[in-house]
Amino acid sequence: MREFLVELTTTFPEGTDPAEVDRVRAAEAVRAGELAAEGHLVRLWRPVGELRSIGLWRADDETGLRERVLGTLPLWPWMTAAVTELQPHPNDPGTPGSPA
């Protein structure tokens, strides 16, 4: 599988019922756990003081990531996503045999 850096920003429409927001966020947590168990969601961060997420995701390709992975998130209809495909760096200290 390929790796992708994904920045997700969620914006609820003005006037969205807070109970609906809570319900969808709870469903989002469950689905994120499922995607992690399937190997698609590797890491997830939230920048300090911000309401966006940055994650390391895996999928066969970007189309699959958007349609079959991210598209299954309950919050997806309210999200914007910036997707960057990644490739290994020769100096990555986490890669066996790396010079770093």
Protein backbone atom coordinates (compact mmCIF):
# COMPACT_ATOMS: atom_id res chain seq x y z
CA MET A 1 0.00 0.00 0.00
CA ARG A 2 1.07 3.57 -0.62
CA GLU A 3 1.34 6.16 2.15
CA PHE A 4 -0.36 9.55 2.20
CA LEU A 5 -0.15 12.61 4.41
CA VAL A 6 -3.71 13.88 4.80
CA GLU A 7 -4.81 17.17 6.33
CA LEU A 8 -8.51 17.13 7.26
CA THR A 9 -10.54 20.16 8.24
CA THR A 10 -14.12 19.71 9.40
CA THR A 11 -16.66 22.52 9.15
CA PHE A 12 -20.23 21.99 10.24
CA PRO A 13 -22.91 24.10 8.56
CA GLU A 14 -24.22 27.02 10.57
CA GLY A 15 -27.11 25.90 12.75
CA THR A 16 -26.16 22.21 12.92
CA ASP A 17 -27.76 20.66 16.00
CA PRO A 18 -25.05 20.09 18.66
CA ALA A 19 -26.55 16.66 19.41
CA GLU A 20 -26.02 15.71 15.75
CA VAL A 21 -22.42 16.93 15.93
CA ASP A 22 -21.84 14.77 19.03
CA ARG A 23 -23.46 11.74 17.36
CA VAL A 24 -21.38 12.03 14.20
CA ARG A 25 -18.15 12.61 16.15
CA ALA A 26 -18.81 9.45 18.19
CA ALA A 27 -19.41 7.48 14.98
CA GLU A 28 -16.20 9.01 13.57
CA ALA A 29 -14.18 7.66 16.49
CA VAL A 30 -15.56 4.16 15.92
CA ARG A 31 -14.83 4.27 12.18
CA ALA A 32 -11.31 5.62 12.75
CA GLY A 33 -10.63 2.64 15.01
CA GLU A 34 -11.85 0.27 12.31
CA LEU A 35 -9.68 1.94 9.66
CA ALA A 36 -6.68 1.70 11.99
CA ALA A 37 -7.34 -2.02 12.52
CA GLU A 38 -7.51 -2.46 8.72
CA GLY A 39 -4.11 -0.75 8.34
CA HIS A 40 -5.39 2.39 6.60
CA LEU A 41 -5.02 4.88 9.46
CA VAL A 42 -1.45 4.71 10.74
CA ARG A 43 -1.07 7.91 12.82
CA LEU A 44 -3.24 10.93 13.58
CA TRP A 45 -2.29 14.29 15.05
CA ARG A 46 -4.05 17.54 15.89
CA PRO A 47 -1.96 20.72 15.70
CA VAL A 48 -1.99 22.55 19.03
CA GLY A 49 -4.84 25.04 19.20
CA GLU A 50 -6.38 23.98 15.88
CA LEU A 51 -9.44 21.97 14.88
CA ARG A 52 -7.87 20.15 11.97
CA SER A 53 -6.20 16.76 11.84
CA ILE A 54 -3.04 15.57 10.14
CA GLY A 55 -2.73 11.88 9.53
CA LEU A 56 -0.59 9.22 7.95
CA TRP A 57 -2.87 6.98 5.90
CA ARG A 58 -2.35 3.95 3.64
CA ALA A 59 -4.28 2.88 0.56
CA ASP A 60 -3.64 1.32 -2.82
CA ASP A 61 -3.90 4.70 -4.57
CA GLU A 62 -5.31 8.19 -4.03
CA THR A 63 -8.64 7.35 -5.61
CA GLY A 64 -9.03 4.39 -3.26
CA LEU A 65 -7.99 6.54 -0.33
CA ARG A 66 -10.62 9.16 -1.10
CA GLU A 67 -13.46 6.81 -2.12
CA ARG A 68 -12.99 3.63 -0.09
CA VAL A 69 -11.23 4.95 3.01
CA LEU A 70 -11.78 8.65 3.75
CA GLY A 71 -15.17 8.55 2.06
CA THR A 72 -16.37 6.09 4.71
CA LEU A 73 -15.75 8.53 7.56
CA PRO A 74 -19.02 9.80 9.05
CA LEU A 75 -17.63 13.37 9.04
CA TRP A 76 -16.54 13.16 5.38
CA PRO A 77 -19.46 15.24 4.03
CA TRP A 78 -18.24 18.18 6.17
CA MET A 79 -14.52 17.69 5.54
CA THR A 80 -12.02 19.18 3.17
CA ALA A 81 -8.91 17.11 2.55
CA ALA A 82 -5.43 17.96 1.32
CA VAL A 83 -3.77 14.71 0.25
CA THR A 84 -0.04 14.33 -0.44
CA GLU A 85 1.35 11.00 -1.59
CA LEU A 86 4.60 10.11 0.17
CA GLN A 87 7.63 8.06 -0.79
CA PRO A 88 10.51 6.87 1.40
CA HIS A 89 13.39 9.26 1.89
CA PRO A 90 16.89 7.75 1.68
CA ASN A 91 17.87 9.42 4.99
CA ASP A 92 14.79 8.33 6.94
CA PRO A 93 16.13 7.18 10.32
CA GLY A 94 13.23 4.73 10.56
CA THR A 95 14.31 2.83 7.45
CA PRO A 96 16.63 -0.17 8.01
CA GLY A 97 20.00 0.47 6.38
CA SER A 98 19.50 4.26 6.31
CA PRO A 99 22.70 6.30 6.71
CA ALA A 100 20.98 8.58 9.25
